[in-house]
C-alpha atoms as a PDB file:
ATOM      1  CA  UNK A   1      90.577 -30.223  41.340  1.00  0.00           C
ATOM      2  CA  UNK A   2      91.426 -26.604  40.521  1.00  0.00           C
ATOM      3  CA  UNK A   3      88.883 -24.784  38.371  1.00  0.00           C
ATOM      4  CA  UNK A   4      88.418 -21.434  36.632  1.00  0.00           C
ATOM      5  CA  UNK A   5      84.812 -20.769  35.586  1.00  0.00           C
ATOM      6  CA  UNK A   6      84.080 -18.708  32.528  1.00  0.00           C
ATOM      7  CA  UNK A   7      81.415 -16.065  33.066  1.00  0.00           C
ATOM      8  CA  UNK A   8      79.079 -17.824  30.640  1.00  0.00           C
ATOM      9  CA  UNK A   9      78.786 -20.742  33.077  1.00  0.00           C
ATOM     10  CA  UNK A  10      77.641 -18.426  35.873  1.00  0.00           C
ATOM     11  CA  UNK A  11      75.136 -16.714  33.585  1.00  0.00           C
ATOM     12  CA  UNK A  12      73.704 -20.066  32.495  1.00  0.00           C
ATOM     13  CA  UNK A  13      73.466 -21.197  36.109  1.00  0.00           C
ATOM     14  CA  UNK A  14      71.627 -18.040  37.117  1.00  0.00           C
ATOM     15  CA  UNK A  15      69.178 -18.287  34.237  1.00  0.00           C
ATOM     16  CA  UNK A  16      68.120 -21.876  34.902  1.00  0.00           C
ATOM     17  CA  UNK A  17      68.183 -24.292  37.811  1.00  0.00           C
ATOM     18  CA  UNK A  18      68.227 -27.155  35.333  1.00  0.00           C
ATOM     19  CA  UNK A  19      71.406 -28.214  33.637  1.00  0.00           C
ATOM     20  CA  UNK A  20      75.093 -28.727  34.061  1.00  0.00           C
ATOM     21  CA  UNK A  21      76.007 -25.087  34.733  1.00  0.00           C
ATOM     22  CA  UNK A  22      73.669 -24.900  37.718  1.00  0.00           C
ATOM     23  CA  UNK A  23      75.065 -28.185  39.064  1.00  0.00           C
ATOM     24  CA  UNK A  24      78.623 -26.859  38.665  1.00  0.00           C
ATOM     25  CA  UNK A  25      77.666 -23.800  40.713  1.00  0.00           C
ATOM     26  CA  UNK A  26      76.036 -25.958  43.400  1.00  0.00           C
ATOM     27  CA  UNK A  27      79.192 -28.032  43.679  1.00  0.00           C
ATOM     28  CA  UNK A  28      81.345 -24.901  43.771  1.00  0.00           C
ATOM     29  CA  UNK A  29      79.338 -23.568  46.701  1.00  0.00           C
ATOM     30  CA  UNK A  30      79.698 -26.970  48.390  1.00  0.00           C
ATOM     31  CA  UNK A  31      83.465 -26.700  47.808  1.00  0.00           C
ATOM     32  CA  UNK A  32      83.621 -29.949  45.839  1.00  0.00           C
ATOM     33  CA  UNK A  33      86.558 -28.375  43.962  1.00  0.00           C
ATOM     34  CA  UNK A  34      88.795 -25.359  44.387  1.00  0.00           C
ATOM     35  CA  UNK A  35      87.542 -22.348  42.490  1.00  0.00           C
ATOM     36  CA  UNK A  36      90.166 -19.797  41.421  1.00  0.00           C
ATOM     37  CA  UNK A  37      89.307 -16.171  40.654  1.00  0.00           C
ATOM     38  CA  UNK A  38      91.255 -12.990  39.978  1.00  0.00           C
ATOM     39  CA  UNK A  39      89.977  -9.495  40.805  1.00  0.00           C
ATOM     40  CA  UNK A  40      89.329  -8.658  37.124  1.00  0.00           C
ATOM     41  CA  UNK A  41      87.392 -11.904  36.676  1.00  0.00           C
ATOM     42  CA  UNK A  42      85.373 -11.260  39.822  1.00  0.00           C
ATOM     43  CA  UNK A  43      84.419  -7.788  38.553  1.00  0.00           C
ATOM     44  CA  UNK A  44      83.513  -9.306  35.196  1.00  0.00           C
ATOM     45  CA  UNK A  45      81.244 -11.784  36.995  1.00  0.00           C
ATOM     46  CA  UNK A  46      79.503  -8.894  38.746  1.00  0.00           C
ATOM     47  CA  UNK A  47      79.073  -6.796  35.628  1.00  0.00           C
ATOM     48  CA  UNK A  48      77.826  -9.613  33.414  1.00  0.00           C
ATOM     49  CA  UNK A  49      75.475 -11.076  36.022  1.00  0.00           C
ATOM     50  CA  UNK A  50      73.866  -7.675  36.494  1.00  0.00           C
ATOM     51  CA  UNK A  51      73.587  -7.060  32.766  1.00  0.00           C
ATOM     52  CA  UNK A  52      72.691 -10.495  31.373  1.00  0.00           C
ATOM     53  CA  UNK A  53      70.443 -12.003  34.034  1.00  0.00           C
ATOM     54  CA  UNK A  54      67.150 -11.001  35.584  1.00  0.00           C
ATOM     55  CA  UNK A  55      68.727 -10.860  39.033  1.00  0.00           C
ATOM     56  CA  UNK A  56      68.313  -7.696  41.060  1.00  0.00           C
ATOM     57  CA  UNK A  57      71.597  -6.010  41.988  1.00  0.00           C
ATOM     58  CA  UNK A  58      71.166  -7.059  45.642  1.00  0.00           C
ATOM     59  CA  UNK A  59      70.753 -10.687  44.545  1.00  0.00           C
ATOM     60  CA  UNK A  60      73.955 -10.463  42.538  1.00  0.00           C
ATOM     61  CA  UNK A  61      75.726  -8.891  45.518  1.00  0.00           C
ATOM     62  CA  UNK A  62      74.442 -11.588  47.869  1.00  0.00           C
ATOM     63  CA  UNK A  63      75.546 -14.343  45.519  1.00  0.00           C
ATOM     64  CA  UNK A  64      78.988 -12.822  45.054  1.00  0.00           C
ATOM     65  CA  UNK A  65      79.363 -12.350  48.820  1.00  0.00           C
ATOM     66  CA  UNK A  66      78.833 -16.094  49.265  1.00  0.00           C
ATOM     67  CA  UNK A  67      81.129 -16.725  46.328  1.00  0.00           C
ATOM     68  CA  UNK A  68      83.965 -14.735  47.929  1.00  0.00           C
ATOM     69  CA  UNK A  69      83.957 -17.117  50.875  1.00  0.00           C
ATOM     70  CA  UNK A  70      84.820 -20.152  48.755  1.00  0.00           C
ATOM     71  CA  UNK A  71      87.261 -18.868  46.147  1.00  0.00           C
ATOM     72  CA  UNK A  72      91.012 -18.829  46.035  1.00  0.00           C
ATOM     73  CA  UNK A  73      92.125 -15.393  44.898  1.00  0.00           C
ATOM     74  CA  UNK A  74      95.000 -14.690  42.513  1.00  0.00           C
ATOM     75  CA  UNK A  75      96.571 -11.612  41.034  1.00  0.00           C
ATOM     76  CA  UNK A  76      97.171 -11.766  37.308  1.00  0.00           C
ATOM     77  CA  UNK A  77      99.285  -9.492  35.177  1.00  0.00           C
ATOM     78  CA  UNK A  78      97.686  -9.764  31.722  1.00  0.00           C
ATOM     79  CA  UNK A  79     100.783 -11.393  30.278  1.00  0.00           C
ATOM     80  CA  UNK A  80      98.801 -13.505  27.830  1.00  0.00           C
ATOM     81  CA  UNK A  81      97.039 -10.717  25.923  1.00  0.00           C
ATOM     82  CA  UNK A  82      96.999 -11.538  22.231  1.00  0.00           C
ATOM     83  CA  UNK A  83      97.396 -15.286  22.754  1.00  0.00           C
ATOM     84  CA  UNK A  84      93.660 -15.877  22.247  1.00  0.00           C
ATOM     85  CA  UNK A  85      91.315 -13.903  19.984  1.00  0.00           C
ATOM     86  CA  UNK A  86      89.459 -12.377  22.976  1.00  0.00           C
ATOM     87  CA  UNK A  87      91.490 -10.715  25.737  1.00  0.00           C
ATOM     88  CA  UNK A  88      88.797 -11.616  28.301  1.00  0.00           C
ATOM     89  CA  UNK A  89      89.485 -15.258  27.434  1.00  0.00           C
ATOM     90  CA  UNK A  90      93.225 -14.599  27.711  1.00  0.00           C
ATOM     91  CA  UNK A  91      92.572 -13.379  31.261  1.00  0.00           C
ATOM     92  CA  UNK A  92      91.021 -16.776  32.076  1.00  0.00           C
ATOM     93  CA  UNK A  93      93.923 -18.594  30.450  1.00  0.00           C
ATOM     94  CA  UNK A  94      96.474 -16.679  32.501  1.00  0.00           C
ATOM     95  CA  UNK A  95      94.569 -17.422  35.693  1.00  0.00           C
ATOM     96  CA  UNK A  96      94.293 -21.115  34.790  1.00  0.00           C
ATOM     97  CA  UNK A  97      98.032 -21.301  34.107  1.00  0.00           C
ATOM     98  CA  UNK A  98      98.828 -19.646  37.421  1.00  0.00           C
ATOM     99  CA  UNK A  99      96.421 -21.878  39.379  1.00  0.00           C
ATOM    100  CA  UNK A 100      97.102 -25.007  37.301  1.00  0.00           C
ATOM    101  CA  UNK A 101      93.347 -25.182  36.819  1.00  0.00           C
ATOM    102  CA  UNK A 102      90.853 -26.542  34.345  1.00  0.00           C
ATOM    103  CA  UNK A 103      88.802 -23.924  32.487  1.00  0.00           C
ATOM    104  CA  UNK A 104      85.082 -24.695  32.437  1.00  0.00           C
ATOM    105  CA  UNK A 105      83.253 -22.846  29.666  1.00  0.00           C
ATOM    106  CA  UNK A 106      80.520 -23.167  27.069  1.00  0.00           C
ATOM    107  CA  UNK A 107      82.969 -21.757  24.491  1.00  0.00           C
ATOM    108  CA  UNK A 108      85.642 -24.453  24.358  1.00  0.00           C
ATOM    109  CA  UNK A 109      86.642 -23.488  20.818  1.00  0.00           C
ATOM    110  CA  UNK A 110      87.682 -20.022  22.054  1.00  0.00           C
ATOM    111  CA  UNK A 111      90.450 -21.685  24.062  1.00  0.00           C
ATOM    112  CA  UNK A 112      91.997 -23.849  21.331  1.00  0.00           C
ATOM    113  CA  UNK A 113      95.526 -22.634  22.177  1.00  0.00           C
ATOM    114  CA  UNK A 114      95.165 -23.407  25.897  1.00  0.00           C
ATOM    115  CA  UNK A 115      96.475 -26.908  25.257  1.00  0.00           C
ATOM    116  CA  UNK A 116      99.800 -25.302  24.250  1.00  0.00           C
ATOM    117  CA  UNK A 117     100.094 -24.208  27.901  1.00  0.00           C
ATOM    118  CA  UNK A 118      99.005 -27.522  29.401  1.00  0.00           C
ATOM    119  CA  UNK A 119      95.522 -26.278  30.277  1.00  0.00           C
ATOM    120  CA  UNK A 120      92.467 -28.487  29.896  1.00  0.00           C
ATOM    121  CA  UNK A 121      89.279 -26.775  28.755  1.00  0.00           C
ATOM    122  CA  UNK A 122      85.894 -28.441  29.008  1.00  0.00           C
ATOM    123  CA  UNK A 123      82.191 -27.793  28.940  1.00  0.00           C
ATOM    124  CA  UNK A 124      80.195 -28.015  32.200  1.00  0.00           C
ATOM    125  CA  UNK A 125      78.720 -31.450  31.411  1.00  0.00           C
ATOM    126  CA  UNK A 126      82.153 -32.907  30.662  1.00  0.00           C
ATOM    127  CA  UNK A 127      83.556 -31.297  33.808  1.00  0.00           C
ATOM    128  CA  UNK A 128      80.803 -32.882  35.930  1.00  0.00           C
ATOM    129  CA  UNK A 129      81.633 -36.275  34.451  1.00  0.00           C
ATOM    130  CA  UNK A 130      85.337 -35.809  35.220  1.00  0.00           C
ATOM    131  CA  UNK A 131      84.583 -34.622  38.722  1.00  0.00           C
ATOM    132  CA  UNK A 132      82.303 -37.590  39.371  1.00  0.00           C
ATOM    133  CA  UNK A 133      85.032 -40.042  38.380  1.00  0.00           C
ATOM    134  CA  UNK A 134      87.358 -38.414  40.919  1.00  0.00           C
ATOM    135  CA  UNK A 135      84.900 -38.533  43.836  1.00  0.00           C
END
């Protein structure tokens, strides 16, 4: 399964070892699915993890170094700006379209128009259920 993770899933996973977001991250690191990331998304991960978690910058760097080993990288061209209310969300949509990936986020309602592009958007708990049925 191809997946694009919204930054809010990473932040939730880093704040608590309990819950669906943490389990999604564990499975990502175990390569239970293919994780797709673009350079702008990767830099957003770094910035937000440093700003919104209690992790030290070296911990964020160490995590992202491990993360780089498991991701499939894509260039995006910001062609979908204006499609969604938030351009950061549009960046995820474009990446998901390119990778034919599911978007996993806590803000499903932000991606209401993703269905117009054939993209499935789900919360971490729902994603885990879908993944389990495929294993």
